[in-house]
Amino acid sequence: MSRSIILAGRLDALGDSWLGTLEDWGDKGLKVALIAIVVITVVRKVSLKAGIGALIGLVLALGIYNSRNSLANIFEDEVNNPANTQPAVTVMVEEKTPAPGGVL
């Protein structure tokens, strides 16, 4: 005999809201952590070049993170439908034989 509990009203979505809250905190926490890394790098190095490098890293990391769903869809499509992808470019190279007495 197994028991099942059915929650009524707002208690039914309580677990979903906690997961949503943790997901939002994770997104915001990642951005805060990346900004903290940039600030710490600039303060430690006291260098404009270090700050620019850290900002470029920040932009790249956030760009990849924000496009994670579309990148996942692209890779999934490549794995599931390899016949529908663009064929690889093939370059034919003809070997030329040197003339007698010539230098390679």
C-alpha atoms as a PDB file:
ATOM      1  CA  MET A   1       0.000   0.000   0.000  1.00  0.00           C
ATOM      2  CA  SER A   2       1.541   3.296  -1.048  1.00  0.00           C
ATOM      3  CA  ARG A   3       0.531   6.705   0.119  1.00  0.00           C
ATOM      4  CA  SER A   4       0.242   9.660  -2.152  1.00  0.00           C
ATOM      5  CA  ILE A   5      -0.196  13.211  -1.046  1.00  0.00           C
ATOM      6  CA  ILE A   6      -1.868  15.764  -3.230  1.00  0.00           C
ATOM      7  CA  LEU A   7      -1.126  19.321  -2.242  1.00  0.00           C
ATOM      8  CA  ALA A   8      -3.727  21.926  -2.938  1.00  0.00           C
ATOM      9  CA  GLY A   9      -3.287  25.455  -4.153  1.00  0.00           C
ATOM     10  CA  ARG A  10       0.055  27.174  -3.843  1.00  0.00           C
ATOM     11  CA  LEU A  11       1.717  24.361  -1.914  1.00  0.00           C
ATOM     12  CA  ASP A  12       1.653  22.236  -5.082  1.00  0.00           C
ATOM     13  CA  ALA A  13       4.079  24.595  -6.841  1.00  0.00           C
ATOM     14  CA  LEU A  14       6.286  25.144  -3.785  1.00  0.00           C
ATOM     15  CA  GLY A  15       9.114  22.883  -4.985  1.00  0.00           C
ATOM     16  CA  ASP A  16       9.011  24.361  -8.483  1.00  0.00           C
ATOM     17  CA  SER A  17       9.272  27.878  -7.132  1.00  0.00           C
ATOM     18  CA  TRP A  18      12.295  26.915  -5.017  1.00  0.00           C
ATOM     19  CA  LEU A  19      13.997  25.421  -8.062  1.00  0.00           C
ATOM     20  CA  GLY A  20      13.189  28.540 -10.075  1.00  0.00           C
ATOM     21  CA  THR A  21      14.574  30.735  -7.315  1.00  0.00           C
ATOM     22  CA  LEU A  22      17.792  28.714  -7.130  1.00  0.00           C
ATOM     23  CA  GLU A  23      18.139  28.913 -10.910  1.00  0.00           C
ATOM     24  CA  ASP A  24      17.731  32.699 -10.842  1.00  0.00           C
ATOM     25  CA  TRP A  25      20.258  32.963  -8.025  1.00  0.00           C
ATOM     26  CA  GLY A  26      22.662  30.778 -10.008  1.00  0.00           C
ATOM     27  CA  ASP A  27      22.403  33.024 -13.071  1.00  0.00           C
ATOM     28  CA  LYS A  28      22.900  36.176 -11.036  1.00  0.00           C
ATOM     29  CA  GLY A  29      25.594  34.566  -8.901  1.00  0.00           C
ATOM     30  CA  LEU A  30      27.629  33.632 -11.982  1.00  0.00           C
ATOM     31  CA  LYS A  31      27.542  37.208 -13.227  1.00  0.00           C
ATOM     32  CA  VAL A  32      28.505  38.557  -9.807  1.00  0.00           C
ATOM     33  CA  ALA A  33      31.349  36.048  -9.533  1.00  0.00           C
ATOM     34  CA  LEU A  34      32.701  36.979 -12.973  1.00  0.00           C
ATOM     35  CA  ILE A  35      32.542  40.685 -12.154  1.00  0.00           C
ATOM     36  CA  ALA A  36      34.301  40.004  -8.848  1.00  0.00           C
ATOM     37  CA  ILE A  37      37.069  38.165 -10.728  1.00  0.00           C
ATOM     38  CA  VAL A  38      37.504  41.177 -13.036  1.00  0.00           C
ATOM     39  CA  VAL A  39      37.676  43.612 -10.098  1.00  0.00           C
ATOM     40  CA  ILE A  40      40.088  41.408  -8.127  1.00  0.00           C
ATOM     41  CA  THR A  41      42.328  41.007 -11.194  1.00  0.00           C
ATOM     42  CA  VAL A  42      42.437  44.755 -11.769  1.00  0.00           C
ATOM     43  CA  VAL A  43      43.151  45.479  -8.087  1.00  0.00           C
ATOM     44  CA  ARG A  44      45.855  42.805  -7.767  1.00  0.00           C
ATOM     45  CA  LYS A  45      47.688  43.653 -10.957  1.00  0.00           C
ATOM     46  CA  VAL A  46      47.022  47.421 -10.932  1.00  0.00           C
ATOM     47  CA  SER A  47      47.228  47.226 -14.681  1.00  0.00           C
ATOM     48  CA  LEU A  48      44.992  48.489 -17.450  1.00  0.00           C
ATOM     49  CA  LYS A  49      46.005  45.554 -19.663  1.00  0.00           C
ATOM     50  CA  ALA A  50      44.958  43.082 -16.964  1.00  0.00           C
ATOM     51  CA  GLY A  51      41.614  44.834 -16.620  1.00  0.00           C
ATOM     52  CA  ILE A  52      40.992  44.763 -20.368  1.00  0.00           C
ATOM     53  CA  GLY A  53      41.937  41.079 -20.530  1.00  0.00           C
ATOM     54  CA  ALA A  54      39.629  40.265 -17.632  1.00  0.00           C
ATOM     55  CA  LEU A  55      36.777  42.197 -19.274  1.00  0.00           C
ATOM     56  CA  ILE A  56      37.280  40.313 -22.536  1.00  0.00           C
ATOM     57  CA  GLY A  57      37.177  37.051 -20.583  1.00  0.00           C
ATOM     58  CA  LEU A  58      34.002  38.235 -18.843  1.00  0.00           C
ATOM     59  CA  VAL A  59      32.312  39.030 -22.147  1.00  0.00           C
ATOM     60  CA  LEU A  60      33.305  35.672 -23.641  1.00  0.00           C
ATOM     61  CA  ALA A  61      32.151  33.701 -20.604  1.00  0.00           C
ATOM     62  CA  LEU A  62      28.806  35.504 -20.410  1.00  0.00           C
ATOM     63  CA  GLY A  63      28.296  35.189 -24.168  1.00  0.00           C
ATOM     64  CA  ILE A  64      28.812  31.436 -24.077  1.00  0.00           C
ATOM     65  CA  TYR A  65      26.670  31.087 -20.963  1.00  0.00           C
ATOM     66  CA  ASN A  66      23.797  33.119 -22.399  1.00  0.00           C
ATOM     67  CA  SER A  67      23.808  31.152 -25.659  1.00  0.00           C
ATOM     68  CA  ARG A  68      24.016  27.749 -23.988  1.00  0.00           C
ATOM     69  CA  ASN A  69      20.540  26.658 -25.145  1.00  0.00           C
ATOM     70  CA  SER A  70      21.086  27.489 -28.805  1.00  0.00           C
ATOM     71  CA  LEU A  71      24.552  25.889 -28.744  1.00  0.00           C
ATOM     72  CA  ALA A  72      23.072  22.768 -27.151  1.00  0.00           C
ATOM     73  CA  ASN A  73      20.427  22.602 -29.896  1.00  0.00           C
ATOM     74  CA  ILE A  74      23.093  22.915 -32.598  1.00  0.00           C
ATOM     75  CA  PHE A  75      25.204  20.105 -31.136  1.00  0.00           C
ATOM     76  CA  GLU A  76      22.142  17.930 -30.581  1.00  0.00           C
ATOM     77  CA  ASP A  77      21.138  18.404 -34.217  1.00  0.00           C
ATOM     78  CA  GLU A  78      24.663  17.490 -35.351  1.00  0.00           C
ATOM     79  CA  VAL A  79      24.611  14.284 -33.316  1.00  0.00           C
ATOM     80  CA  ASN A  80      21.057  13.221 -34.178  1.00  0.00           C
ATOM     81  CA  ASN A  81      21.038  14.193 -37.874  1.00  0.00           C
ATOM     82  CA  PRO A  82      24.554  13.875 -39.290  1.00  0.00           C
ATOM     83  CA  ALA A  83      23.265  13.371 -42.847  1.00  0.00           C
ATOM     84  CA  ASN A  84      21.603  16.800 -42.901  1.00  0.00           C
ATOM     85  CA  THR A  85      24.784  18.730 -42.164  1.00  0.00           C
ATOM     86  CA  GLN A  86      27.055  20.475 -44.629  1.00  0.00           C
ATOM     87  CA  PRO A  87      29.646  18.186 -46.190  1.00  0.00           C
ATOM     88  CA  ALA A  88      33.288  18.737 -45.381  1.00  0.00           C
ATOM     89  CA  VAL A  89      35.314  20.729 -47.873  1.00  0.00           C
ATOM     90  CA  THR A  90      37.664  18.520 -49.846  1.00  0.00           C
ATOM     91  CA  VAL A  91      40.705  20.021 -51.544  1.00  0.00           C
ATOM     92  CA  MET A  92      42.445  18.030 -54.254  1.00  0.00           C
ATOM     93  CA  VAL A  93      46.199  18.604 -54.508  1.00  0.00           C
ATOM     94  CA  GLU A  94      47.975  17.352 -57.584  1.00  0.00           C
ATOM     95  CA  GLU A  95      51.558  16.302 -57.155  1.00  0.00           C
ATOM     96  CA  LYS A  96      53.846  17.832 -59.725  1.00  0.00           C
ATOM     97  CA  THR A  97      56.981  15.970 -60.607  1.00  0.00           C
ATOM     98  CA  PRO A  98      60.038  18.161 -61.066  1.00  0.00           C
ATOM     99  CA  ALA A  99      61.708  18.414 -64.425  1.00  0.00           C
ATOM    100  CA  PRO A 100      64.847  16.302 -64.851  1.00  0.00           C
ATOM    101  CA  GLY A 101      67.801  18.055 -63.302  1.00  0.00           C
ATOM    102  CA  GLY A 102      65.531  20.558 -61.536  1.00  0.00           C
ATOM    103  CA  VAL A 103      65.502  21.460 -57.911  1.00  0.00           C
ATOM    104  CA  LEU A 104      62.536  20.581 -55.717  1.00  0.00           C
END
